[in-house]
């Protein structure tokens, strides 16, 4: 069968190659791959920035934003032929830390987890794949066109859960949210915010086109310009930073309401130096009782919460997030930059 594979650590090794058909282990489910999303993580692995192949192998099958349809499932799996499913990305360490042992494997303390399509486990960018039933999340059949968005949505389900847990430290009545960045994560953050009934502001550098339209169709406010100007006007109780741009990150730390919460979801590239007044930032954080935290990955609870959020969302709006669908035979095109209106690019595994 065909799959999108890479030699981790070797640039320009991304290919569509023939790989052996999956052989489900006892109790596993066999799935026909329908689609896989491409994100910054996939592009960074393809650029040889990180990634690990399965033990004893050179090539890694990419893809952690999955969507598939069950071909066969063993008795007791809770799944049936034809079910629409998404595969969870992370697996806990076989000798788990305390967090992994309690199902909170997204918060692994020892780093010995594995991840499909990223670290030591093949991903989902293949025509067929197998999976343990407890890591297959079943979706409503109506999600066939947009279910591939579940993995990025799960990241925001976790982020919002953590925001609300932190907020429980004191009286909490949030009114306004600022999201920096209108990529897939930023738009999902805005969706979750709007679903909570909050006044939502999204800041991005794109001045026209699809992204402003998508934000406004949510009933949120779209801005361009600098963080300081927007934040001083909105005074957000919550900031969700989704760009990873260092200058934006530090501005997000500085400009929010007292006792505000800043969630960092964007991963910054290393090597860029900034001159900042660290003392002033520290002073503001301490004196205002601010909280800054990072959030990545998700566990089973977050996938299920995200599925509910997507089911409540307007399906037409979700479909517009997917701006390009590339057939598997031309999968390398999904990794190309230079498409200004791209939001989410998806590889069609059946084409």
Protein backbone atom coordinates (compact mmCIF):
# COMPACT_ATOMS: atom_id res chain seq x y z
CA UNK A 1 0.00 0.00 0.00
CA UNK A 2 1.02 3.65 -0.38
CA UNK A 3 2.09 5.89 2.48
CA UNK A 4 3.76 9.26 3.05
CA UNK A 5 7.14 8.46 4.62
CA UNK A 6 10.30 10.28 5.65
CA UNK A 7 13.79 9.46 6.87
CA UNK A 8 13.85 11.35 10.18
CA UNK A 9 16.90 13.57 10.42
CA UNK A 10 17.46 13.63 6.65
CA UNK A 11 16.21 16.60 4.67
CA UNK A 12 14.54 16.10 1.28
CA UNK A 13 13.64 12.48 2.10
CA UNK A 14 9.85 12.95 2.02
CA UNK A 15 8.26 10.47 -0.40
CA UNK A 16 5.12 8.55 -1.22
CA UNK A 17 6.38 4.99 -0.94
CA UNK A 18 5.09 1.43 -0.89
CA UNK A 19 4.98 -0.05 2.60
CA UNK A 20 3.67 -3.39 3.89
CA UNK A 21 -0.03 -3.67 4.63
CA UNK A 22 -0.79 -3.42 8.34
CA UNK A 23 -1.18 -6.64 10.30
CA UNK A 24 -3.46 -5.86 13.23
CA UNK A 25 -2.32 -7.39 16.50
CA UNK A 26 -4.88 -9.41 18.46
CA UNK A 27 -7.64 -7.07 19.58
CA UNK A 28 -6.71 -4.28 17.16
CA UNK A 29 -8.94 -2.58 14.59
CA UNK A 30 -8.17 -2.35 10.86
CA UNK A 31 -8.98 1.04 9.34
CA UNK A 32 -9.10 2.43 5.80
CA UNK A 33 -7.38 5.81 5.84
CA UNK A 34 -9.58 8.56 4.43
CA UNK A 35 -7.62 11.73 5.07
CA UNK A 36 -4.72 13.15 7.04
CA UNK A 37 -4.07 16.78 7.89
CA UNK A 38 -0.68 18.43 7.43
CA UNK A 39 0.56 20.87 10.06
CA UNK A 40 3.75 22.61 11.14
CA UNK A 41 4.92 19.52 13.02
CA UNK A 42 4.78 17.42 9.83
CA UNK A 43 6.68 20.07 7.89
CA UNK A 44 9.34 20.29 10.59
CA UNK A 45 9.83 16.51 10.56
CA UNK A 46 10.08 16.63 6.77
CA UNK A 47 12.72 19.37 7.17
CA UNK A 48 14.75 17.02 9.42
CA UNK A 49 14.25 19.11 12.55
CA UNK A 50 13.10 16.15 14.63
CA UNK A 51 11.15 12.87 14.49
CA UNK A 52 12.08 9.26 15.26
CA UNK A 53 11.38 6.16 13.19
CA UNK A 54 10.05 2.98 14.82
CA UNK A 55 12.80 0.83 16.40
CA UNK A 56 14.72 -1.15 13.78
CA UNK A 57 13.39 0.95 10.89
CA UNK A 58 14.79 3.81 8.83
CA UNK A 59 11.58 5.39 7.54
CA UNK A 60 8.66 6.83 9.50
CA UNK A 61 5.10 6.97 8.17
CA UNK A 62 3.97 10.54 8.81
CA UNK A 63 0.55 11.85 9.78
CA UNK A 64 -1.00 12.47 13.18
CA UNK A 65 -4.19 14.34 12.15
CA UNK A 66 -6.18 11.31 11.03
CA UNK A 67 -9.55 10.24 9.72
CA UNK A 68 -10.51 6.72 8.72
CA UNK A 69 -13.28 4.17 8.38
CA UNK A 70 -13.28 0.85 10.18
CA UNK A 71 -12.77 -2.15 7.91
CA UNK A 72 -12.86 -4.78 10.65
CA UNK A 73 -13.01 -4.84 14.43
CA UNK A 74 -12.80 -7.73 16.89
CA UNK A 75 -15.69 -8.58 19.23
CA UNK A 76 -15.79 -6.32 22.26
CA UNK A 77 -13.91 -3.45 20.57
CA UNK A 78 -16.93 -1.14 20.71
CA UNK A 79 -16.52 -0.43 17.00
CA UNK A 80 -18.11 -1.86 13.88
CA UNK A 81 -17.35 -1.99 10.18
CA UNK A 82 -18.09 1.38 8.59
CA UNK A 83 -17.59 3.47 11.72
CA UNK A 84 -15.84 6.80 11.22
CA UNK A 85 -12.82 7.06 13.54
CA UNK A 86 -9.88 9.26 14.43
CA UNK A 87 -6.71 7.84 15.99
CA UNK A 88 -5.24 9.37 19.15
CA UNK A 89 -1.63 10.49 18.66
CA UNK A 90 0.19 9.76 21.92
CA UNK A 91 0.76 6.51 23.78
CA UNK A 92 1.96 6.39 27.39
CA UNK A 93 5.28 4.92 28.42
CA UNK A 94 4.96 1.13 29.02
CA UNK A 95 6.47 1.83 32.46
CA UNK A 96 4.40 4.95 32.98
CA UNK A 97 5.01 8.02 35.04
CA UNK A 98 2.27 8.98 37.49
CA UNK A 99 0.46 11.12 34.93
CA UNK A 100 0.49 8.44 32.22
CA UNK A 101 -0.68 5.80 34.69
CA UNK A 102 -3.77 7.91 35.35
CA UNK A 103 -4.65 8.46 31.70
CA UNK A 104 -3.13 11.95 31.58
CA UNK A 105 -0.48 10.90 29.06
CA UNK A 106 -0.53 14.31 27.40
CA UNK A 107 1.19 15.54 30.59
CA UNK A 108 3.89 12.84 30.64
CA UNK A 109 6.64 13.64 33.15
CA UNK A 110 9.42 11.31 31.97
CA UNK A 111 9.33 11.88 28.18
CA UNK A 112 9.27 8.19 27.32
CA UNK A 113 5.91 8.37 25.55
CA UNK A 114 5.58 7.52 21.85
CA UNK A 115 3.55 9.34 19.21
CA UNK A 116 2.10 8.14 15.95
CA UNK A 117 3.69 9.87 13.00
CA UNK A 118 6.15 11.73 15.21
CA UNK A 119 8.08 9.59 17.67
CA UNK A 120 8.80 5.86 17.22
CA UNK A 121 5.35 4.89 15.91
CA UNK A 122 4.11 5.01 12.33
CA UNK A 123 1.49 7.63 11.66
CA UNK A 124 -1.79 7.62 9.80
CA UNK A 125 -0.75 8.89 6.34
CA UNK A 126 -1.31 5.52 4.67
CA UNK A 127 -4.10 3.82 2.77
CA UNK A 128 -4.76 1.51 5.73
CA UNK A 129 -3.72 1.48 9.37
CA UNK A 130 -4.40 -0.51 12.51
CA UNK A 131 -5.08 0.77 16.00
CA UNK A 132 -5.87 -0.34 19.53
CA UNK A 133 -9.63 0.21 20.01
CA UNK A 134 -9.16 2.31 23.16
CA UNK A 135 -7.25 4.87 21.08
CA UNK A 136 -9.83 5.07 18.27
CA UNK A 137 -12.36 7.88 18.75
CA UNK A 138 -15.64 7.27 16.97
CA UNK A 139 -17.25 10.23 15.22
CA UNK A 140 -20.77 11.00 14.11
CA UNK A 141 -21.17 9.87 10.46
CA UNK A 142 -22.03 13.47 9.54
CA UNK A 143 -18.39 14.40 10.26
CA UNK A 144 -17.02 12.59 7.20
CA UNK A 145 -15.91 15.83 5.49
CA UNK A 146 -14.45 17.55 8.55
CA UNK A 147 -13.49 14.81 11.03
CA UNK A 148 -9.83 15.25 10.14
CA UNK A 149 -9.99 18.48 12.18
CA UNK A 150 -10.51 16.53 15.41
CA UNK A 151 -6.85 16.27 16.41
CA UNK A 152 -6.14 20.03 16.24
CA UNK A 153 -9.50 20.63 17.94
CA UNK A 154 -8.43 18.29 20.76
CA UNK A 155 -5.44 20.54 21.44
CA UNK A 156 -7.85 23.43 22.06
CA UNK A 157 -10.20 21.28 24.13
CA UNK A 158 -7.27 20.63 26.44
CA UNK A 159 -6.17 24.27 26.43
CA UNK A 160 -9.64 25.47 27.42
CA UNK A 161 -9.92 22.80 30.10
CA UNK A 162 -6.64 24.01 31.59
CA UNK A 163 -7.71 27.66 31.35
CA UNK A 164 -10.89 26.89 33.26
CA UNK A 165 -9.05 24.85 35.88
CA UNK A 166 -6.60 27.69 36.48
CA UNK A 167 -9.45 30.19 36.62
CA UNK A 168 -11.04 28.19 39.44
CA UNK A 169 -8.30 29.48 41.78
CA UNK A 170 -10.47 32.57 42.36
CA UNK A 171 -13.71 34.25 41.38
CA UNK A 172 -13.96 34.05 37.60
CA UNK A 173 -16.29 35.81 35.21
CA UNK A 174 -14.39 36.17 31.92
CA UNK A 175 -15.77 38.52 29.28
CA UNK A 176 -13.15 38.86 26.55
CA UNK A 177 -10.66 36.59 24.81
CA UNK A 178 -7.82 37.53 22.47
CA UNK A 179 -6.45 34.90 20.10
CA UNK A 180 -3.19 35.74 18.35
CA UNK A 181 -2.95 33.97 15.01
CA UNK A 182 -5.68 32.85 12.59
CA UNK A 183 -4.25 29.53 11.51
CA UNK A 184 -6.06 26.26 12.28
CA UNK A 185 -5.23 26.38 16.00
CA UNK A 186 -6.14 30.06 16.32
CA UNK A 187 -9.44 29.61 14.50
CA UNK A 188 -10.27 26.58 16.64
CA UNK A 189 -9.44 28.62 19.73
CA UNK A 190 -11.86 31.29 18.54
CA UNK A 191 -14.55 28.69 17.86
CA UNK A 192 -14.24 27.29 21.39
CA UNK A 193 -14.33 30.82 22.82
CA UNK A 194 -17.46 31.77 20.89
CA UNK A 195 -19.13 28.53 21.94
CA UNK A 196 -18.54 29.66 25.54
CA UNK A 197 -20.38 32.91 24.86
CA UNK A 198 -17.27 35.09 25.22
CA UNK A 199 -16.46 38.27 23.30
CA UNK A 200 -13.73 37.01 21.02
CA UNK A 201 -10.98 38.96 19.26
CA UNK A 202 -8.56 37.44 16.74
CA UNK A 203 -5.34 39.15 15.68
CA UNK A 204 -3.48 38.17 12.52
CA UNK A 205 -1.28 39.91 9.97
CA UNK A 206 -3.47 38.93 6.97
CA UNK A 207 -5.62 41.92 6.06
CA UNK A 208 -8.14 40.38 3.67
CA UNK A 209 -9.37 37.08 2.34
CA UNK A 210 -10.63 33.90 3.95
CA UNK A 211 -9.26 34.27 7.49
CA UNK A 212 -11.04 37.55 8.30
CA UNK A 213 -14.21 36.11 6.77
CA UNK A 214 -14.06 32.97 8.91
CA UNK A 215 -13.52 35.00 12.08
CA UNK A 216 -16.41 37.35 11.36
CA UNK A 217 -18.72 34.47 10.45
CA UNK A 218 -18.14 33.17 13.97
CA UNK A 219 -19.37 36.48 15.33
CA UNK A 220 -15.86 37.35 16.52
CA UNK A 221 -13.81 40.50 15.88
CA UNK A 222 -10.86 40.40 13.46
CA UNK A 223 -7.85 42.69 13.87
CA UNK A 224 -4.55 43.40 12.19
CA UNK A 225 -1.74 45.46 13.66
CA UNK A 226 0.12 45.02 16.94
CA UNK A 227 -0.79 43.11 20.09
CA UNK A 228 -0.48 46.15 22.35
CA UNK A 229 -3.06 48.26 20.49
CA UNK A 230 -5.61 45.46 20.26
CA UNK A 231 -5.08 44.25 23.82
CA UNK A 232 -5.28 47.73 25.34
CA UNK A 233 -8.62 48.23 23.63
CA UNK A 234 -10.05 44.78 24.44
CA UNK A 235 -8.36 44.13 27.82
CA UNK A 236 -8.69 40.36 27.42
CA UNK A 237 -9.20 38.13 30.43
CA UNK A 238 -7.72 35.26 28.41
CA UNK A 239 -5.07 35.33 25.71
CA UNK A 240 -4.46 32.27 23.55
CA UNK A 241 -1.20 32.66 21.65
CA UNK A 242 -1.16 30.54 18.49
CA UNK A 243 1.61 32.02 16.34
CA UNK A 244 4.81 31.03 18.13
CA UNK A 245 6.31 34.31 16.90
CA UNK A 246 8.62 35.42 19.74
CA UNK A 247 7.70 39.11 19.61
CA UNK A 248 3.99 38.27 19.67
CA UNK A 249 4.52 35.82 22.54
CA UNK A 250 6.17 38.42 24.76
CA UNK A 251 3.57 41.05 23.92
CA UNK A 252 0.88 38.53 24.84
CA UNK A 253 2.52 38.15 28.25
CA UNK A 254 2.47 41.91 28.84
CA UNK A 255 -0.96 43.04 27.71
CA UNK A 256 -3.96 41.43 29.38
CA UNK A 257 -6.36 42.14 32.20
CA UNK A 258 -5.29 41.81 35.84
CA UNK A 259 -5.29 38.18 37.02
CA UNK A 260 -5.39 37.22 33.36
CA UNK A 261 -4.48 33.86 31.86
CA UNK A 262 -2.17 33.45 28.86
CA UNK A 263 -2.09 30.07 27.13
CA UNK A 264 0.82 29.47 24.76
CA UNK A 265 0.01 26.96 22.01
CA UNK A 266 2.40 28.11 19.27
CA UNK A 267 5.86 26.52 19.17
CA UNK A 268 8.63 29.03 18.50
CA UNK A 269 11.64 28.32 16.33
CA UNK A 270 14.94 28.60 18.15
CA UNK A 271 17.78 30.92 17.18
CA UNK A 272 16.04 34.30 17.12
CA UNK A 273 17.23 36.71 19.82
CA UNK A 274 15.02 39.47 21.23
CA UNK A 275 15.83 42.32 23.58
CA UNK A 276 13.17 42.39 26.29
CA UNK A 277 12.71 44.00 29.66
CA UNK A 278 12.45 40.76 31.63
CA UNK A 279 12.22 42.63 34.92
CA UNK A 280 9.19 44.63 33.80
CA UNK A 281 7.45 41.49 32.50
CA UNK A 282 8.14 39.66 35.75
CA UNK A 283 6.85 42.62 37.78
CA UNK A 284 3.58 42.75 35.82
CA UNK A 285 3.02 38.99 36.09
CA UNK A 286 3.60 38.95 39.85
CA UNK A 287 1.73 42.12 40.78
CA UNK A 288 -1.26 41.26 38.58
CA UNK A 289 -1.47 37.59 39.63
CA UNK A 290 -1.19 36.56 35.98
CA UNK A 291 -0.76 32.96 34.86
CA UNK A 292 1.20 31.91 31.76
CA UNK A 293 1.26 28.27 30.73
CA UNK A 294 1.99 26.12 27.71
CA UNK A 295 -0.32 23.48 26.29
CA UNK A 296 0.21 20.79 23.67
CA UNK A 297 -1.14 17.35 22.79
CA UNK A 298 -4.32 15.84 24.26
CA UNK A 299 -5.63 12.77 26.03
CA UNK A 300 -8.78 10.74 25.39
CA UNK A 301 -11.02 13.08 27.36
CA UNK A 302 -9.97 16.01 25.21
CA UNK A 303 -10.63 14.14 21.96
CA UNK A 304 -14.15 13.36 23.12
CA UNK A 305 -14.74 16.95 24.22
CA UNK A 306 -13.43 18.19 20.87
CA UNK A 307 -15.76 15.83 19.00
CA UNK A 308 -18.70 17.39 20.82
CA UNK A 309 -17.48 20.89 19.97
CA UNK A 310 -17.17 20.05 16.27
CA UNK A 311 -20.60 18.46 16.21
CA UNK A 312 -22.07 21.69 17.66
CA UNK A 313 -20.24 23.87 15.14
CA UNK A 314 -21.57 24.89 11.75
CA UNK A 315 -20.43 22.18 9.35
CA UNK A 316 -20.13 24.62 6.45
CA UNK A 317 -17.78 26.82 8.49
CA UNK A 318 -15.64 23.80 9.40
CA UNK A 319 -15.48 22.68 5.77
CA UNK A 320 -14.11 26.10 4.78
CA UNK A 321 -11.17 25.61 7.16
CA UNK A 322 -9.95 22.89 4.78
CA UNK A 323 -8.60 25.04 1.97
CA UNK A 324 -6.75 22.40 -0.05
CA UNK A 325 -7.26 18.67 -0.55
CA UNK A 326 -4.29 16.98 -2.20
CA UNK A 327 -4.44 13.41 -3.56
CA UNK A 328 -2.07 10.90 -1.98
CA UNK A 329 -0.19 10.50 -5.27
CA UNK A 330 0.76 14.21 -5.04
CA UNK A 331 1.11 14.37 -1.25
CA UNK A 332 4.36 16.35 -1.36
CA UNK A 333 2.35 19.34 -2.65
CA UNK A 334 0.65 19.51 0.76
CA UNK A 335 4.01 20.46 2.30
CA UNK A 336 4.63 23.38 -0.06
CA UNK A 337 4.51 26.94 1.23
CA UNK A 338 3.40 29.93 -0.77
CA UNK A 339 -0.38 29.45 -0.73
CA UNK A 340 -1.52 32.66 1.00
CA UNK A 341 -5.10 31.55 1.69
CA UNK A 342 -4.12 28.18 3.16
CA UNK A 343 -5.65 27.35 6.52
CA UNK A 344 -5.70 23.57 6.72
CA UNK A 345 -4.23 21.35 3.99
CA UNK A 346 -5.42 17.75 3.86
CA UNK A 347 -4.12 14.70 1.99
CA UNK A 348 -6.88 12.54 0.48
CA UNK A 349 -5.67 9.00 1.14
CA UNK A 350 -8.18 7.43 -1.24
CA UNK A 351 -7.21 9.52 -4.30
